[in-house]
Amino acid sequence: MKVISEKCKKCLECAEVCPVGAISKKNDVVVIDKDICLSCGCCASACTSDAISYED
């Protein structure tokens, strides 16, 4: 599962590159919809603050 940490700057560059639209901002928090995330890594590659990581 991908996790967005407190390092997130809420720039939403990750959401712009997500091929399935799994990333959104809700109540000023950026979240990844685990049900549609492909775990392709596009978001992690686009994140300039290194806020996206994998967690079991």
N, C-alpha and C. Protein backbone atom coordinates (compact mmCIF):
# COMPACT_ATOMS: atom_id res chain seq x y z
N MET A 1 0.84 -1.18 0.00
CA MET A 1 0.00 0.00 0.00
C MET A 1 0.89 1.24 0.00
N LYS A 2 0.52 2.23 -0.77
CA LYS A 2 1.26 3.48 -0.80
C LYS A 2 0.72 4.40 0.29
N VAL A 3 1.63 5.13 0.90
CA VAL A 3 1.27 6.02 1.99
C VAL A 3 1.87 7.39 1.72
N ILE A 4 1.09 8.44 2.00
CA ILE A 4 1.57 9.81 1.88
C ILE A 4 1.89 10.30 3.29
N SER A 5 3.14 10.69 3.50
CA SER A 5 3.59 11.09 4.83
C SER A 5 3.37 12.57 5.09
N GLU A 6 3.77 12.98 6.29
CA GLU A 6 3.65 14.37 6.69
C GLU A 6 4.59 15.28 5.90
N LYS A 7 5.50 14.70 5.10
CA LYS A 7 6.38 15.49 4.24
C LYS A 7 5.61 16.10 3.06
N CYS A 8 4.39 15.65 2.84
CA CYS A 8 3.58 16.09 1.71
C CYS A 8 3.35 17.60 1.77
N LYS A 9 3.61 18.26 0.63
CA LYS A 9 3.40 19.72 0.51
C LYS A 9 2.06 20.06 -0.13
N LYS A 10 1.27 19.03 -0.42
CA LYS A 10 -0.06 19.18 -1.01
C LYS A 10 -0.04 19.90 -2.36
N CYS A 11 1.03 19.67 -3.13
CA CYS A 11 1.16 20.30 -4.44
C CYS A 11 0.33 19.59 -5.49
N LEU A 12 -0.02 18.33 -5.25
CA LEU A 12 -0.82 17.48 -6.13
C LEU A 12 -0.15 17.15 -7.46
N GLU A 13 1.17 17.27 -7.53
CA GLU A 13 1.88 16.82 -8.73
C GLU A 13 1.70 15.32 -8.91
N CYS A 14 1.60 14.60 -7.81
CA CYS A 14 1.37 13.15 -7.86
C CYS A 14 0.02 12.83 -8.50
N ALA A 15 -0.98 13.60 -8.16
CA ALA A 15 -2.33 13.38 -8.71
C ALA A 15 -2.36 13.64 -10.21
N GLU A 16 -1.56 14.60 -10.66
CA GLU A 16 -1.53 14.94 -12.08
C GLU A 16 -0.97 13.79 -12.93
N VAL A 17 -0.07 13.00 -12.37
CA VAL A 17 0.54 11.91 -13.15
C VAL A 17 -0.12 10.56 -12.93
N CYS A 18 -1.02 10.45 -11.98
CA CYS A 18 -1.67 9.17 -11.70
C CYS A 18 -2.56 8.76 -12.87
N PRO A 19 -2.29 7.61 -13.48
CA PRO A 19 -3.05 7.21 -14.67
C PRO A 19 -4.49 6.80 -14.39
N VAL A 20 -4.84 6.53 -13.14
CA VAL A 20 -6.20 6.10 -12.82
C VAL A 20 -6.94 7.06 -11.89
N GLY A 21 -6.34 8.20 -11.56
CA GLY A 21 -7.00 9.18 -10.71
C GLY A 21 -7.20 8.72 -9.28
N ALA A 22 -6.23 7.97 -8.76
CA ALA A 22 -6.36 7.41 -7.41
C ALA A 22 -6.00 8.40 -6.31
N ILE A 23 -5.46 9.56 -6.67
CA ILE A 23 -5.00 10.52 -5.66
C ILE A 23 -5.87 11.77 -5.70
N SER A 24 -6.30 12.19 -4.52
CA SER A 24 -7.12 13.39 -4.42
C SER A 24 -6.86 14.08 -3.09
N LYS A 25 -7.41 15.26 -2.96
CA LYS A 25 -7.28 16.03 -1.72
C LYS A 25 -8.64 16.07 -1.05
N LYS A 26 -8.67 15.64 0.21
CA LYS A 26 -9.92 15.65 0.98
C LYS A 26 -9.65 16.27 2.33
N ASN A 27 -10.41 17.30 2.65
CA ASN A 27 -10.24 18.01 3.92
C ASN A 27 -8.78 18.44 4.13
N ASP A 28 -8.18 18.99 3.08
CA ASP A 28 -6.80 19.49 3.09
C ASP A 28 -5.76 18.40 3.34
N VAL A 29 -6.10 17.15 3.04
CA VAL A 29 -5.17 16.02 3.15
C VAL A 29 -5.16 15.29 1.81
N VAL A 30 -3.97 14.98 1.32
CA VAL A 30 -3.85 14.24 0.06
C VAL A 30 -3.94 12.75 0.40
N VAL A 31 -4.82 12.05 -0.31
CA VAL A 31 -5.06 10.64 -0.03
C VAL A 31 -4.97 9.81 -1.31
N ILE A 32 -4.61 8.54 -1.14
CA ILE A 32 -4.55 7.58 -2.24
C ILE A 32 -5.67 6.56 -2.04
N ASP A 33 -6.52 6.41 -3.06
CA ASP A 33 -7.59 5.42 -3.01
C ASP A 33 -6.99 4.05 -3.29
N LYS A 34 -6.84 3.26 -2.26
CA LYS A 34 -6.19 1.94 -2.37
C LYS A 34 -6.95 0.99 -3.28
N ASP A 35 -8.25 1.21 -3.44
CA ASP A 35 -9.05 0.31 -4.27
C ASP A 35 -8.77 0.46 -5.76
N ILE A 36 -8.30 1.63 -6.18
CA ILE A 36 -8.03 1.82 -7.61
C ILE A 36 -6.55 2.05 -7.93
N CYS A 37 -5.72 2.21 -6.92
CA CYS A 37 -4.28 2.41 -7.12
C CYS A 37 -3.67 1.18 -7.80
N LEU A 38 -2.86 1.42 -8.83
CA LEU A 38 -2.20 0.35 -9.57
C LEU A 38 -0.82 0.01 -9.01
N SER A 39 -0.35 0.78 -8.05
CA SER A 39 1.01 0.63 -7.51
C SER A 39 2.06 0.72 -8.62
N CYS A 40 1.83 1.60 -9.58
CA CYS A 40 2.73 1.74 -10.72
C CYS A 40 3.97 2.58 -10.41
N GLY A 41 3.90 3.40 -9.36
CA GLY A 41 5.05 4.21 -8.97
C GLY A 41 5.14 5.57 -9.60
N CYS A 42 4.21 5.91 -10.48
CA CYS A 42 4.24 7.22 -11.13
C CYS A 42 4.18 8.35 -10.11
N CYS A 43 3.34 8.21 -9.11
CA CYS A 43 3.18 9.26 -8.11
C CYS A 43 4.44 9.45 -7.29
N ALA A 44 5.06 8.35 -6.88
CA ALA A 44 6.28 8.44 -6.09
C ALA A 44 7.40 9.09 -6.89
N SER A 45 7.47 8.79 -8.17
CA SER A 45 8.48 9.40 -9.03
C SER A 45 8.27 10.89 -9.20
N ALA A 46 7.02 11.32 -9.22
CA ALA A 46 6.70 12.73 -9.42
C ALA A 46 6.80 13.56 -8.14
N CYS A 47 6.82 12.90 -7.00
CA CYS A 47 6.82 13.62 -5.72
C CYS A 47 8.19 14.22 -5.43
N THR A 48 8.25 15.55 -5.39
CA THR A 48 9.52 16.24 -5.14
C THR A 48 9.87 16.30 -3.66
N SER A 49 8.93 15.99 -2.79
CA SER A 49 9.21 16.02 -1.35
C SER A 49 9.41 14.62 -0.77
N ASP A 50 9.43 13.60 -1.62
CA ASP A 50 9.64 12.22 -1.20
C ASP A 50 8.65 11.79 -0.12
N ALA A 51 7.40 12.15 -0.32
CA ALA A 51 6.36 11.90 0.69
C ALA A 51 5.60 10.60 0.46
N ILE A 52 5.81 9.95 -0.67
CA ILE A 52 5.05 8.74 -0.98
C ILE A 52 5.95 7.53 -0.84
N SER A 53 5.50 6.56 -0.05
CA SER A 53 6.28 5.35 0.18
C SER A 53 5.35 4.15 0.26
N TYR A 54 5.94 2.97 0.27
CA TYR A 54 5.18 1.73 0.41
C TYR A 54 5.18 1.28 1.85
N GLU A 55 4.07 0.73 2.29
CA GLU A 55 3.94 0.21 3.64
C GLU A 55 3.12 -1.05 3.58
N ASP A 56 3.50 -2.07 4.33
CA ASP A 56 2.75 -3.33 4.37
C ASP A 56 1.54 -3.22 5.25
